[in-house]
Amino acid sequence: MKARAKFPGWIRRWFVPVVLAWGVLVMSPAAPGADPVATKTIVVLGDSLAAGLGVDPSEAFPALIQKKIGAAGWNDTVVNAGVSGDTSADGLARINWLLKQRIDVLILELGGNDGLRGFPMVATKTNLQAIIDRVKQKYPQARIIIAGMQMPPNLGEEYTAAFRKIYPDLAAINHTALIPFLLEGVGGKPELNQPDHIHPTAEGHKIVADNVWKVLQPILERMNSNS
């Protein structure tokens, strides 16, 4: 029997999930009457929050956003490019591969793991800016939504305040949309989080999806009305 090829851990960690995500996009037939040109692709580049760690993939907020899009009568497709454990540097390392397919809207949900691991905030901000720059360079018309994140209070008031500013600062500099706090209404609520107190339950993901939809919905509405 031929030995199975072994891939380095970093490839297994992000390449396979992303390939599967793009596979769903490419292989899924368009809805009846859908205009392929008008159909928008929304990529959620994130970590375990986007990946839906601890819940069924259909219960994670990117899947719930896809349902909201369908309910609105649009044919746009959400690609979940969330990988558990990813930092802003990991996202930067794989953005070029994601850019091989058109991105109309990028929801940038990264940085939380940087903060929890105590990475220098300047590095996090630099990595997120580099991701934004590469998307804008490849697809100048792409809309970018930055998902704000906050650190738990036990990390200290000075640190948490400085970390929280990363996201609105980037949104202001780049003139992008901002979700002020992705976990608004969920963070710190035991009944909406798994035992680790970090990852939302299925009910928590519904609230997260609503937080995203408040920002994404008007953007898609404008884009689809102009198609």
Protein backbone atom coordinates (compact mmCIF):
# COMPACT_ATOMS: atom_id res chain seq x y z
CA MET A 1 0.00 0.00 0.00
CA LYS A 2 1.31 3.43 -0.95
CA ALA A 3 2.14 5.69 1.99
CA ARG A 4 -0.09 8.73 2.39
CA ALA A 5 1.51 12.08 1.77
CA LYS A 6 1.95 14.10 4.93
CA PHE A 7 1.37 17.81 4.79
CA PRO A 8 2.95 20.29 7.20
CA GLY A 9 0.68 21.33 10.04
CA TRP A 10 0.22 24.89 8.78
CA ILE A 11 -1.11 23.60 5.46
CA ARG A 12 -3.56 21.22 7.10
CA ARG A 13 -4.72 23.95 9.46
CA TRP A 14 -5.88 26.51 6.92
CA PHE A 15 -5.55 25.15 3.39
CA VAL A 16 -8.08 22.34 3.63
CA PRO A 17 -10.92 24.37 5.22
CA VAL A 18 -10.48 27.17 2.73
CA VAL A 19 -10.37 24.77 -0.23
CA LEU A 20 -13.63 23.26 0.97
CA ALA A 21 -15.16 26.71 1.30
CA TRP A 22 -14.20 27.69 -2.24
CA GLY A 23 -15.37 24.29 -3.44
CA VAL A 24 -18.83 25.01 -2.16
CA LEU A 25 -18.78 28.33 -3.97
CA VAL A 26 -17.60 26.94 -7.27
CA MET A 27 -19.69 23.76 -7.32
CA SER A 28 -22.96 25.18 -6.01
CA PRO A 29 -25.41 25.94 -8.82
CA ALA A 30 -26.72 29.47 -9.00
CA ALA A 31 -30.31 30.10 -8.05
CA PRO A 32 -32.81 30.02 -10.95
CA GLY A 33 -32.57 33.24 -12.90
CA ALA A 34 -29.42 34.34 -11.09
CA ASP A 35 -27.08 36.61 -13.00
CA PRO A 36 -23.53 35.27 -12.45
CA VAL A 37 -22.10 38.74 -12.94
CA ALA A 38 -24.47 40.27 -10.40
CA THR A 39 -23.85 37.60 -7.78
CA LYS A 40 -21.53 38.97 -5.11
CA THR A 41 -18.98 37.02 -3.07
CA ILE A 42 -18.64 37.87 0.60
CA VAL A 43 -15.53 36.41 2.23
CA VAL A 44 -15.30 36.16 6.01
CA LEU A 45 -11.59 36.08 6.83
CA GLY A 46 -11.40 35.16 10.47
CA ASP A 47 -10.50 32.83 13.29
CA SER A 48 -12.46 30.36 15.44
CA LEU A 49 -15.36 32.79 15.81
CA ALA A 50 -16.00 32.67 12.06
CA ALA A 51 -15.11 28.98 11.86
CA GLY A 52 -17.76 28.25 14.48
CA LEU A 53 -15.62 26.34 16.94
CA GLY A 54 -17.83 24.19 19.15
CA VAL A 55 -21.01 24.51 17.09
CA ASP A 56 -22.22 22.97 13.86
CA PRO A 57 -20.94 24.90 10.81
CA SER A 58 -24.56 25.65 9.89
CA GLU A 59 -24.93 27.44 13.23
CA ALA A 60 -21.87 29.70 12.86
CA PHE A 61 -22.55 33.33 12.03
CA PRO A 62 -21.28 33.17 8.39
CA ALA A 63 -23.86 30.46 7.61
CA LEU A 64 -26.55 32.51 9.33
CA ILE A 65 -25.57 35.51 7.22
CA GLN A 66 -26.00 33.35 4.13
CA LYS A 67 -29.55 32.57 5.24
CA LYS A 68 -30.29 36.26 5.75
CA ILE A 69 -29.02 37.00 2.25
CA GLY A 70 -31.32 34.33 0.82
CA ALA A 71 -34.25 35.69 2.79
CA ALA A 72 -33.55 39.12 1.30
CA GLY A 73 -33.90 37.59 -2.17
CA TRP A 74 -30.27 38.04 -3.19
CA ASN A 75 -28.01 35.44 -4.82
CA ASP A 76 -24.83 36.53 -3.08
CA THR A 77 -22.55 33.85 -1.63
CA VAL A 78 -20.77 33.83 1.71
CA VAL A 79 -17.40 32.06 1.84
CA ASN A 80 -16.36 31.14 5.37
CA ALA A 81 -12.57 31.53 5.45
CA GLY A 82 -12.38 31.27 9.22
CA VAL A 83 -9.69 29.05 10.71
CA SER A 84 -9.52 28.29 14.42
CA GLY A 85 -6.42 29.69 16.10
CA ASP A 86 -5.59 32.12 13.33
CA THR A 87 -3.83 35.37 14.16
CA SER A 88 -3.62 38.48 12.02
CA ALA A 89 -0.30 37.18 10.68
CA ASP A 90 -1.94 33.90 9.67
CA GLY A 91 -4.64 35.80 7.82
CA LEU A 92 -2.03 37.85 6.01
CA ALA A 93 -0.20 34.66 5.04
CA ARG A 94 -3.24 33.29 3.22
CA ILE A 95 -4.88 36.40 1.80
CA ASN A 96 -3.06 36.11 -1.54
CA TRP A 97 -4.49 32.64 -2.05
CA LEU A 98 -7.99 33.87 -1.25
CA LEU A 99 -7.57 36.69 -3.74
CA LYS A 100 -7.32 34.16 -6.57
CA GLN A 101 -11.12 34.30 -6.58
CA ARG A 102 -13.03 37.56 -6.79
CA ILE A 103 -13.93 39.22 -3.50
CA ASP A 104 -16.73 41.77 -3.53
CA VAL A 105 -17.00 42.16 0.23
CA LEU A 106 -14.39 41.22 2.81
CA ILE A 107 -15.41 40.87 6.43
CA LEU A 108 -12.12 41.06 8.32
CA GLU A 109 -12.51 39.23 11.63
CA LEU A 110 -9.01 38.79 13.00
CA GLY A 111 -6.84 40.01 15.85
CA GLY A 112 -8.58 38.43 18.82
CA ASN A 113 -5.98 35.68 19.12
CA ASP A 114 -3.22 38.28 18.87
CA GLY A 115 -4.58 40.04 21.92
CA LEU A 116 -5.17 36.88 23.93
CA ARG A 117 -1.57 35.83 23.24
CA GLY A 118 -0.15 39.21 24.14
CA PHE A 119 1.25 40.00 20.69
CA PRO A 120 2.45 43.58 20.13
CA MET A 121 -0.52 45.68 19.06
CA VAL A 122 1.52 47.49 16.45
CA ALA A 123 2.13 44.14 14.71
CA THR A 124 -1.58 43.32 14.75
CA LYS A 125 -2.48 46.68 13.27
CA THR A 126 0.24 46.37 10.63
CA ASN A 127 -0.94 42.91 9.59
CA LEU A 128 -4.57 43.97 9.33
CA GLN A 129 -3.57 47.02 7.29
CA ALA A 130 -1.53 44.82 4.95
CA ILE A 131 -4.56 42.58 4.38
CA ILE A 132 -6.71 45.60 3.56
CA ASP A 133 -4.04 46.96 1.20
CA ARG A 134 -3.75 43.70 -0.72
CA VAL A 135 -7.51 43.38 -1.15
CA LYS A 136 -7.79 46.98 -2.34
CA GLN A 137 -4.90 46.50 -4.74
CA LYS A 138 -6.43 43.40 -6.35
CA TYR A 139 -10.07 44.47 -6.19
CA PRO A 140 -10.31 48.27 -5.85
CA GLN A 141 -14.12 48.16 -5.82
CA ALA A 142 -14.33 45.62 -3.00
CA ARG A 143 -16.09 46.75 0.16
CA ILE A 144 -14.31 45.99 3.41
CA ILE A 145 -15.96 45.55 6.78
CA ILE A 146 -13.75 45.50 9.86
CA ALA A 147 -15.11 43.45 12.75
CA GLY A 148 -14.08 45.11 15.99
CA MET A 149 -12.85 42.98 18.87
CA GLN A 150 -12.27 43.67 22.55
CA MET A 151 -10.14 41.97 25.17
CA PRO A 152 -11.45 40.72 28.53
CA PRO A 153 -11.04 43.19 31.42
CA ASN A 154 -8.60 40.95 33.27
CA LEU A 155 -5.89 42.04 30.82
CA GLY A 156 -5.91 45.51 32.33
CA GLU A 157 -7.69 48.74 31.50
CA GLU A 158 -4.77 50.31 29.63
CA TYR A 159 -4.24 47.28 27.40
CA THR A 160 -7.93 46.71 26.66
CA ALA A 161 -8.50 50.38 25.81
CA ALA A 162 -5.52 50.46 23.44
CA PHE A 163 -6.52 47.18 21.78
CA ARG A 164 -10.11 48.34 21.28
CA LYS A 165 -8.86 51.40 19.37
CA ILE A 166 -7.12 49.29 16.71
CA TYR A 167 -10.34 48.64 14.81
CA PRO A 168 -12.00 52.07 14.65
CA ASP A 169 -8.60 53.57 13.82
CA LEU A 170 -8.17 51.21 10.86
CA ALA A 171 -11.73 51.85 9.71
CA ALA A 172 -11.19 55.61 9.82
CA ILE A 173 -7.84 55.48 8.03
CA ASN A 174 -9.15 53.21 5.27
CA HIS A 175 -12.70 54.59 5.03
CA THR A 176 -14.19 51.16 5.61
CA ALA A 177 -17.31 50.00 7.39
CA LEU A 178 -16.95 48.98 11.03
CA ILE A 179 -18.74 46.54 13.30
CA PRO A 180 -17.85 48.26 16.60
CA PHE A 181 -17.76 45.03 18.59
CA LEU A 182 -18.46 41.69 16.91
CA LEU A 183 -19.52 40.06 20.18
CA GLU A 184 -21.79 42.89 21.33
CA GLY A 185 -24.59 41.39 23.42
CA VAL A 186 -22.74 38.07 23.66
CA GLY A 187 -19.36 38.68 25.28
CA GLY A 188 -19.40 38.19 29.02
CA LYS A 189 -22.78 36.44 29.05
CA PRO A 190 -22.34 32.85 30.28
CA GLU A 191 -25.66 31.68 28.84
CA LEU A 192 -24.56 32.69 25.33
CA ASN A 193 -21.03 31.30 25.51
CA GLN A 194 -19.49 27.86 25.67
CA PRO A 195 -17.69 26.73 28.85
CA ASP A 196 -14.47 28.41 27.68
CA HIS A 197 -16.25 31.80 28.01
CA ILE A 198 -14.80 32.82 24.63
CA HIS A 199 -16.75 31.07 21.89
CA PRO A 200 -20.46 31.71 21.40
CA THR A 201 -23.10 29.01 21.58
CA ALA A 202 -25.51 28.55 18.69
CA GLU A 203 -27.78 31.16 20.31
CA GLY A 204 -24.81 33.47 20.69
CA HIS A 205 -23.97 33.13 17.01
CA LYS A 206 -27.47 34.35 16.14
CA ILE A 207 -26.74 37.61 17.93
CA VAL A 208 -23.31 37.86 16.29
CA ALA A 209 -24.97 37.37 12.89
CA ASP A 210 -27.37 40.21 13.71
CA ASN A 211 -24.41 42.44 14.61
CA VAL A 212 -22.80 41.70 11.26
CA TRP A 213 -26.03 42.05 9.32
CA LYS A 214 -26.66 45.57 10.62
CA VAL A 215 -23.54 46.67 8.76
CA LEU A 216 -23.53 44.24 5.83
CA GLN A 217 -27.18 44.49 4.82
CA PRO A 218 -27.16 48.15 3.67
CA ILE A 219 -23.91 47.56 1.79
CA LEU A 220 -25.36 44.59 -0.11
CA GLU A 221 -28.56 46.49 -0.71
CA ARG A 222 -26.65 49.26 -2.47
CA MET A 223 -24.46 46.83 -4.39
CA ASN A 224 -27.38 44.76 -5.60
CA SER A 225 -29.44 47.77 -6.56
CA ASN A 226 -26.56 48.92 -8.77
CA SER A 227 -26.06 45.53 -10.44
